[in-house]
C-alpha cells in the first residue's frame, strides 16, 4: 500500500512539473526557455556601445540581452542603413549575444530592433541619433535660367 502511494505522489509531482514547465514555455527535457505559444513575454535590451548619438560611419558592438537564458532566433533590423548588421542572431541558452563591427551610415534617428522570429511580442530596440559624416566631396550645379546679363546661379553642396 505504501509503495502505491509513493507511485501516485510521484506521478502527481511529474504532472505538476510538466504543467509548470509548459506555462514557462520550457520544452520537455530541454530545461531552457524556448519560444512557444503561451510563453511569457521576453523584453530584450538592445545597446550600441558607441553610444546613442554618433557620427555616420561610427563602428561599434551591438548587444542583445535577454532577462534569462534564452533559446531561439532573434531577427535584427534597422530603419536606416547599417553595415555589419546580421539578419538573425541565434540564442542557445545565453542571456546575451554581441555583434561586432556594426556601422551606422544613414543620418537621422536609426532604430535597431531585435525581435524573436516565433513570438513577435518578444522584442526590444534602441534609438540612435546619427549625425552626417564629414564632407568628403562637393557637388556643384548651375541653374538653367540666367539670373541676369548672361549670368547663371551656381549651387555648391557639401556631401558625406
N, C-alpha and C. Protein backbone atom coordinates (compact mmCIF):
# COMPACT_ATOMS: atom_id res chain seq x y z
N UNK A 1 0.82 -1.19 0.00
CA UNK A 1 0.00 0.00 0.00
C UNK A 1 0.86 1.26 0.00
N UNK A 2 1.89 1.25 0.81
CA UNK A 2 2.76 2.42 0.87
C UNK A 2 3.46 2.65 -0.47
N UNK A 3 3.86 1.58 -1.18
CA UNK A 3 4.51 1.71 -2.48
C UNK A 3 3.58 2.40 -3.49
N UNK A 4 2.31 2.04 -3.47
CA UNK A 4 1.35 2.62 -4.39
C UNK A 4 1.18 4.13 -4.10
N UNK A 5 1.16 4.53 -2.85
CA UNK A 5 1.02 5.94 -2.51
C UNK A 5 2.21 6.75 -3.02
N UNK A 6 3.43 6.20 -2.89
CA UNK A 6 4.59 6.91 -3.40
C UNK A 6 4.53 7.02 -4.91
N UNK A 7 4.07 5.97 -5.57
CA UNK A 7 3.97 5.99 -7.01
C UNK A 7 2.96 7.04 -7.46
N UNK A 8 1.82 7.11 -6.80
CA UNK A 8 0.80 8.12 -7.14
C UNK A 8 1.33 9.52 -6.88
N UNK A 9 2.02 9.70 -5.76
CA UNK A 9 2.59 11.02 -5.43
C UNK A 9 3.63 11.40 -6.47
N UNK A 10 4.43 10.41 -6.90
CA UNK A 10 5.46 10.69 -7.90
C UNK A 10 4.82 11.12 -9.22
N UNK A 11 3.75 10.42 -9.62
CA UNK A 11 3.05 10.78 -10.85
C UNK A 11 2.44 12.18 -10.76
N UNK A 12 1.86 12.51 -9.61
CA UNK A 12 1.28 13.83 -9.43
C UNK A 12 2.36 14.90 -9.53
N UNK A 13 3.51 14.65 -8.92
CA UNK A 13 4.62 15.61 -8.98
C UNK A 13 5.11 15.78 -10.41
N UNK A 14 5.17 14.68 -11.18
CA UNK A 14 5.62 14.77 -12.57
C UNK A 14 4.64 15.58 -13.40
N UNK A 15 3.33 15.37 -13.19
CA UNK A 15 2.32 16.10 -13.93
C UNK A 15 2.38 17.59 -13.57
N UNK A 16 2.54 17.90 -12.28
CA UNK A 16 2.62 19.29 -11.85
C UNK A 16 3.86 19.96 -12.42
N UNK A 17 4.98 19.24 -12.44
CA UNK A 17 6.21 19.80 -13.01
C UNK A 17 6.05 20.05 -14.49
N UNK A 18 5.47 19.12 -15.21
CA UNK A 18 5.26 19.29 -16.66
C UNK A 18 4.35 20.48 -16.93
N UNK A 19 3.30 20.65 -16.11
CA UNK A 19 2.39 21.78 -16.30
C UNK A 19 3.11 23.10 -16.03
N UNK A 20 3.92 23.14 -14.98
CA UNK A 20 4.66 24.36 -14.66
C UNK A 20 5.65 24.70 -15.78
N UNK A 21 6.33 23.69 -16.30
CA UNK A 21 7.28 23.91 -17.38
C UNK A 21 6.56 24.42 -18.63
N UNK A 22 5.39 23.87 -18.91
CA UNK A 22 4.64 24.31 -20.08
C UNK A 22 4.23 25.78 -19.94
N UNK A 23 3.84 26.19 -18.73
CA UNK A 23 3.48 27.60 -18.51
C UNK A 23 4.66 28.51 -18.72
N UNK A 24 5.86 28.05 -18.41
CA UNK A 24 7.06 28.84 -18.59
C UNK A 24 7.60 28.78 -20.02
N UNK A 25 7.01 27.93 -20.84
CA UNK A 25 7.47 27.82 -22.22
C UNK A 25 8.72 26.97 -22.34
N UNK A 26 8.90 26.02 -21.41
CA UNK A 26 10.08 25.17 -21.44
C UNK A 26 9.74 23.86 -22.14
N UNK A 27 10.53 23.50 -23.15
CA UNK A 27 10.31 22.26 -23.88
C UNK A 27 10.63 21.08 -22.96
N UNK A 28 9.88 20.03 -23.08
CA UNK A 28 10.10 18.86 -22.24
C UNK A 28 11.52 18.34 -22.40
N UNK A 29 12.21 18.21 -21.29
CA UNK A 29 13.56 17.66 -21.29
C UNK A 29 14.64 18.66 -21.63
N UNK A 30 14.29 19.83 -22.11
CA UNK A 30 15.31 20.79 -22.54
C UNK A 30 15.89 21.58 -21.38
N UNK A 31 15.03 21.95 -20.43
CA UNK A 31 15.50 22.69 -19.27
C UNK A 31 15.75 24.16 -19.53
N UNK A 32 15.52 24.65 -20.75
CA UNK A 32 15.74 26.06 -21.07
C UNK A 32 14.48 26.63 -21.70
N UNK A 33 14.18 27.91 -21.43
CA UNK A 33 13.01 28.51 -22.05
C UNK A 33 13.13 28.52 -23.57
N UNK A 34 12.07 28.15 -24.23
CA UNK A 34 12.03 28.19 -25.69
C UNK A 34 10.80 28.97 -26.11
N UNK A 35 10.84 29.64 -27.24
CA UNK A 35 9.66 30.36 -27.69
C UNK A 35 8.55 29.38 -28.01
N UNK A 36 7.39 29.56 -27.38
CA UNK A 36 6.24 28.73 -27.69
C UNK A 36 4.99 29.53 -27.33
N UNK A 37 3.89 29.16 -27.95
CA UNK A 37 2.64 29.85 -27.69
C UNK A 37 2.34 29.78 -26.20
N UNK A 38 1.93 30.87 -25.62
CA UNK A 38 1.61 30.91 -24.21
C UNK A 38 2.80 31.18 -23.31
N UNK A 39 3.99 31.27 -23.87
CA UNK A 39 5.18 31.54 -23.07
C UNK A 39 5.17 32.99 -22.62
N UNK A 40 5.85 33.26 -21.52
CA UNK A 40 5.94 34.62 -21.01
C UNK A 40 6.66 35.52 -22.02
N UNK A 41 6.25 36.78 -22.08
CA UNK A 41 6.87 37.74 -23.00
C UNK A 41 8.26 38.10 -22.49
N UNK A 42 9.22 38.11 -23.40
CA UNK A 42 10.60 38.44 -23.07
C UNK A 42 10.92 39.80 -23.67
N UNK A 43 11.35 40.73 -22.84
CA UNK A 43 11.75 42.05 -23.33
C UNK A 43 13.27 42.05 -23.49
N UNK A 44 13.72 42.13 -24.74
CA UNK A 44 15.16 42.20 -25.00
C UNK A 44 15.65 43.62 -24.72
N UNK A 45 16.88 43.73 -24.25
CA UNK A 45 17.54 45.01 -24.13
C UNK A 45 18.56 45.08 -25.26
N UNK A 46 18.52 46.16 -26.04
CA UNK A 46 19.43 46.32 -27.17
C UNK A 46 20.28 47.56 -26.88
N UNK A 47 21.61 47.40 -26.95
CA UNK A 47 22.51 48.53 -26.72
C UNK A 47 23.57 48.59 -27.82
N UNK A 48 24.08 49.79 -28.04
CA UNK A 48 25.15 50.03 -29.01
C UNK A 48 26.27 50.71 -28.24
N UNK A 49 27.43 50.06 -28.15
CA UNK A 49 28.48 50.55 -27.24
C UNK A 49 29.09 51.88 -27.66
N UNK A 50 28.88 52.31 -28.90
CA UNK A 50 29.42 53.60 -29.34
C UNK A 50 28.55 54.75 -28.85
N UNK A 51 27.38 54.45 -28.28
CA UNK A 51 26.51 55.48 -27.73
C UNK A 51 25.21 55.61 -28.48
N UNK A 52 24.38 56.54 -28.02
CA UNK A 52 23.09 56.76 -28.67
C UNK A 52 23.09 58.04 -29.50
N UNK A 53 24.26 58.66 -29.65
CA UNK A 53 24.42 59.82 -30.53
C UNK A 53 25.81 59.71 -31.15
N UNK A 54 25.86 59.35 -32.43
CA UNK A 54 27.15 59.06 -33.08
C UNK A 54 27.21 59.74 -34.45
N UNK A 55 28.42 59.82 -35.00
CA UNK A 55 28.61 60.31 -36.36
C UNK A 55 28.41 59.16 -37.34
N UNK A 56 27.91 59.45 -38.52
CA UNK A 56 27.73 58.44 -39.56
C UNK A 56 29.05 57.71 -39.79
N UNK A 57 28.97 56.41 -39.93
CA UNK A 57 30.16 55.60 -40.15
C UNK A 57 30.79 55.08 -38.88
N UNK A 58 30.32 55.54 -37.72
CA UNK A 58 30.86 55.06 -36.45
C UNK A 58 30.58 53.57 -36.31
N UNK A 59 31.62 52.82 -35.97
CA UNK A 59 31.51 51.38 -35.81
C UNK A 59 31.48 51.02 -34.34
N UNK A 60 30.71 50.03 -34.00
CA UNK A 60 30.62 49.61 -32.60
C UNK A 60 30.08 48.21 -32.47
N UNK A 61 29.81 47.82 -31.23
CA UNK A 61 29.28 46.50 -30.92
C UNK A 61 27.83 46.61 -30.48
N UNK A 62 26.98 45.82 -31.10
CA UNK A 62 25.57 45.75 -30.75
C UNK A 62 25.41 44.59 -29.78
N UNK A 63 24.74 44.81 -28.66
CA UNK A 63 24.50 43.75 -27.69
C UNK A 63 23.00 43.57 -27.51
N UNK A 64 22.55 42.31 -27.61
CA UNK A 64 21.15 41.97 -27.39
C UNK A 64 21.13 41.11 -26.13
N UNK A 65 20.35 41.54 -25.13
CA UNK A 65 20.32 40.85 -23.85
C UNK A 65 18.90 40.41 -23.52
N UNK A 66 18.77 39.16 -23.07
CA UNK A 66 17.50 38.62 -22.59
C UNK A 66 17.58 38.57 -21.06
N UNK A 67 16.45 38.68 -20.37
CA UNK A 67 16.49 38.69 -18.91
C UNK A 67 16.86 37.34 -18.29
N UNK A 68 16.69 36.27 -19.04
CA UNK A 68 17.01 34.92 -18.57
C UNK A 68 17.67 34.16 -19.71
N UNK A 69 18.33 33.02 -19.44
CA UNK A 69 18.89 32.23 -20.56
C UNK A 69 17.80 31.98 -21.60
N UNK A 70 18.14 32.20 -22.86
CA UNK A 70 17.14 32.20 -23.92
C UNK A 70 17.54 31.26 -25.04
N UNK A 71 16.55 30.62 -25.62
CA UNK A 71 16.76 29.74 -26.77
C UNK A 71 15.81 30.20 -27.87
N UNK A 72 16.38 30.55 -29.02
CA UNK A 72 15.55 30.97 -30.13
C UNK A 72 16.33 31.82 -31.12
N UNK A 73 15.66 32.20 -32.18
CA UNK A 73 16.26 33.03 -33.22
C UNK A 73 15.68 34.43 -33.10
N UNK A 74 16.56 35.42 -33.08
CA UNK A 74 16.15 36.81 -32.95
C UNK A 74 16.50 37.52 -34.26
N UNK A 75 15.49 38.12 -34.88
CA UNK A 75 15.69 38.87 -36.13
C UNK A 75 16.12 40.29 -35.77
N UNK A 76 17.17 40.78 -36.43
CA UNK A 76 17.69 42.12 -36.18
C UNK A 76 17.45 42.98 -37.41
N UNK A 77 16.94 44.19 -37.18
CA UNK A 77 16.62 45.05 -38.31
C UNK A 77 16.86 46.52 -37.92
N UNK A 78 17.03 47.37 -38.92
CA UNK A 78 17.22 48.79 -38.70
C UNK A 78 16.39 49.56 -39.70
N UNK A 79 15.90 50.73 -39.29
CA UNK A 79 15.14 51.56 -40.23
C UNK A 79 16.06 52.41 -41.09
N UNK A 80 17.38 52.31 -40.89
CA UNK A 80 18.36 53.04 -41.68
C UNK A 80 19.36 52.09 -42.29
N UNK A 81 20.45 52.64 -42.78
CA UNK A 81 21.49 51.80 -43.36
C UNK A 81 22.55 51.52 -42.31
N UNK A 82 22.83 50.25 -42.11
CA UNK A 82 23.85 49.85 -41.14
C UNK A 82 24.62 48.68 -41.72
N UNK A 83 25.94 48.83 -41.86
CA UNK A 83 26.73 47.71 -42.35
C UNK A 83 27.13 46.83 -41.18
N UNK A 84 27.28 45.56 -41.44
CA UNK A 84 27.68 44.61 -40.41
C UNK A 84 26.54 44.13 -39.54
N UNK A 85 25.32 44.55 -39.84
CA UNK A 85 24.16 44.13 -39.05
C UNK A 85 23.67 42.79 -39.56
N UNK A 86 23.65 41.77 -38.69
CA UNK A 86 23.20 40.45 -39.15
C UNK A 86 21.68 40.43 -39.32
N UNK A 87 21.20 39.51 -40.12
CA UNK A 87 19.75 39.36 -40.26
C UNK A 87 19.18 38.70 -39.02
N UNK A 88 19.81 37.62 -38.58
CA UNK A 88 19.34 36.86 -37.42
C UNK A 88 20.49 36.57 -36.47
N UNK A 89 20.15 36.47 -35.18
CA UNK A 89 21.09 36.09 -34.14
C UNK A 89 20.51 34.89 -33.42
N UNK A 90 21.30 33.84 -33.29
CA UNK A 90 20.85 32.59 -32.68
C UNK A 90 21.24 32.55 -31.21
N UNK A 91 20.25 32.39 -30.33
CA UNK A 91 20.49 32.20 -28.90
C UNK A 91 20.32 30.71 -28.59
N UNK A 92 21.25 30.16 -27.84
CA UNK A 92 21.12 28.74 -27.44
C UNK A 92 21.42 28.61 -25.95
N UNK A 93 20.67 29.36 -25.15
CA UNK A 93 20.80 29.29 -23.70
C UNK A 93 21.59 30.43 -23.09
N UNK A 94 22.04 31.39 -23.90
CA UNK A 94 22.78 32.54 -23.37
C UNK A 94 21.79 33.63 -22.94
N UNK A 95 22.31 34.58 -22.14
CA UNK A 95 21.49 35.74 -21.80
C UNK A 95 21.82 36.92 -22.70
N UNK A 96 22.97 36.89 -23.38
CA UNK A 96 23.27 37.99 -24.30
C UNK A 96 24.15 37.50 -25.45
N UNK A 97 24.03 38.24 -26.54
CA UNK A 97 24.85 37.99 -27.74
C UNK A 97 25.36 39.34 -28.22
N UNK A 98 26.61 39.34 -28.70
CA UNK A 98 27.21 40.56 -29.21
C UNK A 98 27.52 40.42 -30.69
N UNK A 99 27.31 41.51 -31.41
CA UNK A 99 27.62 41.58 -32.83
C UNK A 99 28.61 42.74 -32.98
N UNK A 100 29.84 42.43 -33.39
CA UNK A 100 30.86 43.46 -33.54
C UNK A 100 30.89 43.98 -34.97
N UNK A 101 31.45 45.17 -35.15
CA UNK A 101 31.64 45.73 -36.48
C UNK A 101 30.39 46.29 -37.12
N UNK A 102 29.42 46.72 -36.30
CA UNK A 102 28.20 47.33 -36.84
C UNK A 102 28.48 48.82 -37.04
N UNK A 103 28.28 49.32 -38.26
CA UNK A 103 28.50 50.73 -38.56
C UNK A 103 27.20 51.35 -39.07
N UNK A 104 26.78 52.42 -38.43
CA UNK A 104 25.56 53.12 -38.82
C UNK A 104 25.93 54.20 -39.83
N UNK A 105 25.31 54.16 -41.00
CA UNK A 105 25.72 55.06 -42.07
C UNK A 105 24.65 56.05 -42.52
N UNK A 106 23.39 55.87 -42.12
CA UNK A 106 22.33 56.81 -42.51
C UNK A 106 22.16 57.87 -41.44
N UNK A 107 22.22 59.15 -41.85
CA UNK A 107 22.00 60.23 -40.89
C UNK A 107 20.53 60.25 -40.49
N UNK A 108 20.28 60.65 -39.25
CA UNK A 108 18.92 60.70 -38.71
C UNK A 108 18.81 59.79 -37.51
N UNK A 109 17.60 59.57 -37.05
CA UNK A 109 17.39 58.66 -35.92
C UNK A 109 17.21 57.26 -36.47
N UNK A 110 18.11 56.36 -36.09
CA UNK A 110 18.02 54.97 -36.51
C UNK A 110 17.54 54.13 -35.33
N UNK A 111 16.57 53.29 -35.60
CA UNK A 111 16.07 52.36 -34.59
C UNK A 111 16.54 50.97 -34.98
N UNK A 112 17.29 50.33 -34.08
CA UNK A 112 17.70 48.95 -34.30
C UNK A 112 16.79 48.09 -33.42
N UNK A 113 16.13 47.13 -34.04
CA UNK A 113 15.15 46.29 -33.36
C UNK A 113 15.59 44.84 -33.36
N UNK A 114 15.39 44.17 -32.22
CA UNK A 114 15.62 42.73 -32.10
C UNK A 114 14.27 42.10 -31.77
N UNK A 115 13.83 41.13 -32.59
CA UNK A 115 12.52 40.53 -32.40
C UNK A 115 12.60 39.03 -32.62
N UNK A 116 12.04 38.28 -31.68
CA UNK A 116 12.02 36.83 -31.80
C UNK A 116 11.25 36.43 -33.06
N UNK A 117 11.76 35.44 -33.80
CA UNK A 117 11.11 35.04 -35.05
C UNK A 117 9.86 34.21 -34.82
N UNK A 118 9.66 33.69 -33.59
CA UNK A 118 8.49 32.89 -33.29
C UNK A 118 7.41 33.69 -32.57
N UNK A 119 7.82 34.48 -31.59
CA UNK A 119 6.87 35.27 -30.79
C UNK A 119 7.22 36.74 -30.97
N UNK A 120 6.46 37.44 -31.79
CA UNK A 120 6.81 38.83 -32.12
C UNK A 120 6.75 39.76 -30.91
N UNK A 121 6.01 39.38 -29.86
CA UNK A 121 5.95 40.21 -28.64
C UNK A 121 7.29 40.20 -27.91
N UNK A 122 8.14 39.22 -28.18
CA UNK A 122 9.48 39.17 -27.59
C UNK A 122 10.39 40.07 -28.42
N UNK A 123 10.60 41.29 -27.95
CA UNK A 123 11.38 42.23 -28.75
C UNK A 123 12.01 43.30 -27.88
N UNK A 124 12.84 44.09 -28.51
CA UNK A 124 13.47 45.24 -27.86
C UNK A 124 14.12 46.08 -28.94
N UNK A 125 14.43 47.34 -28.61
CA UNK A 125 15.04 48.21 -29.61
C UNK A 125 15.84 49.31 -28.94
N UNK A 126 16.66 49.98 -29.75
CA UNK A 126 17.41 51.14 -29.29
C UNK A 126 17.35 52.20 -30.39
N UNK A 127 17.15 53.46 -29.99
CA UNK A 127 17.18 54.58 -30.93
C UNK A 127 18.55 55.24 -30.85
N UNK A 128 19.16 55.46 -32.00
CA UNK A 128 20.48 56.07 -32.08
C UNK A 128 20.40 57.24 -33.04
N UNK A 129 20.81 58.42 -32.57
CA UNK A 129 20.85 59.60 -33.43
C UNK A 129 22.18 59.58 -34.18
N UNK A 130 22.11 59.58 -35.50
CA UNK A 130 23.31 59.52 -36.35
C UNK A 130 23.47 60.85 -37.07
N UNK A 131 24.57 61.53 -36.76
CA UNK A 131 24.87 62.80 -37.42
C UNK A 131 25.52 62.51 -38.76
N UNK A 132 25.34 63.41 -39.76
CA UNK A 132 26.02 63.21 -41.04
C UNK A 132 27.53 63.16 -40.82
N UNK A 133 28.18 62.39 -41.63
CA UNK A 133 29.64 62.30 -41.55
C UNK A 133 30.27 63.57 -42.09
N UNK A 134 31.59 63.70 -41.97
CA UNK A 134 32.26 64.88 -42.51
C UNK A 134 32.15 64.90 -44.04
N UNK A 135 32.15 66.11 -44.59
CA UNK A 135 32.06 66.24 -46.05
C UNK A 135 33.29 65.61 -46.70
N UNK A 136 33.04 64.79 -47.71
CA UNK A 136 34.14 64.14 -48.43
C UNK A 136 34.27 64.66 -49.86
N UNK A 137 33.20 65.33 -50.37
CA UNK A 137 33.26 65.88 -51.71
C UNK A 137 32.17 66.95 -51.87
N UNK A 138 32.29 67.70 -52.93
CA UNK A 138 31.34 68.76 -53.23
C UNK A 138 30.59 68.45 -54.52
N UNK A 139 29.36 68.92 -54.58
CA UNK A 139 28.58 68.81 -55.82
C UNK A 139 28.16 70.22 -56.22
N UNK A 140 28.37 70.54 -57.48
CA UNK A 140 28.00 71.86 -57.99
C UNK A 140 26.95 71.71 -59.08
N UNK A 141 26.00 72.62 -59.08
CA UNK A 141 25.01 72.61 -60.15
C UNK A 141 24.77 74.05 -60.61
N UNK A 142 24.52 74.19 -61.88
CA UNK A 142 24.30 75.51 -62.48
C UNK A 142 22.82 75.61 -62.80
N UNK A 143 22.22 76.72 -62.41
CA UNK A 143 20.80 76.94 -62.68
C UNK A 143 20.54 77.02 -64.16
N UNK A 144 19.38 76.56 -64.61
CA UNK A 144 19.04 76.54 -66.04
C UNK A 144 18.72 77.93 -66.57
N UNK A 145 18.10 78.75 -65.76
CA UNK A 145 17.69 80.08 -66.24
C UNK A 145 18.73 81.12 -65.84
N UNK A 146 19.06 82.02 -66.74
CA UNK A 146 20.01 83.10 -66.40
C UNK A 146 19.45 83.97 -65.29
N UNK A 147 20.35 84.41 -64.41
CA UNK A 147 19.96 85.28 -63.31
C UNK A 147 19.92 86.72 -63.80
N UNK A 148 20.69 87.03 -64.79
CA UNK A 148 20.72 88.38 -65.35
C UNK A 148 21.99 88.55 -66.16
N UNK A 149 21.91 89.27 -67.24
CA UNK A 149 23.04 89.60 -68.11
C UNK A 149 23.92 88.39 -68.40
N UNK A 150 23.29 87.25 -68.71
CA UNK A 150 24.05 86.05 -69.09
C UNK A 150 24.68 85.31 -67.92
N UNK A 151 24.36 85.68 -66.70
CA UNK A 151 24.93 85.00 -65.52
C UNK A 151 23.96 83.94 -65.03
N UNK A 152 24.49 82.83 -64.60
CA UNK A 152 23.69 81.73 -64.07
C UNK A 152 24.02 81.55 -62.59
N UNK A 153 23.02 81.14 -61.81
CA UNK A 153 23.25 80.83 -60.40
C UNK A 153 23.97 79.50 -60.26
N UNK A 154 24.83 79.38 -59.28
CA UNK A 154 25.56 78.15 -59.03
C UNK A 154 25.27 77.72 -57.59
N UNK A 155 24.94 76.44 -57.39
CA UNK A 155 24.74 75.90 -56.05
C UNK A 155 25.85 74.87 -55.78
N UNK A 156 26.48 75.01 -54.63
CA UNK A 156 27.53 74.05 -54.22
C UNK A 156 27.05 73.40 -52.94
N UNK A 157 27.05 72.05 -52.94
CA UNK A 157 26.58 71.28 -51.78
C UNK A 157 27.70 70.37 -51.28
N UNK A 158 27.97 70.42 -49.96
CA UNK A 158 28.94 69.51 -49.34
C UNK A 158 28.25 68.18 -49.07
N UNK A 159 28.87 67.07 -49.49
CA UNK A 159 28.29 65.74 -49.33
C UNK A 159 29.20 64.86 -48.50
N UNK A 160 28.58 63.96 -47.75
CA UNK A 160 29.39 62.99 -46.99
C UNK A 160 29.36 61.64 -47.64
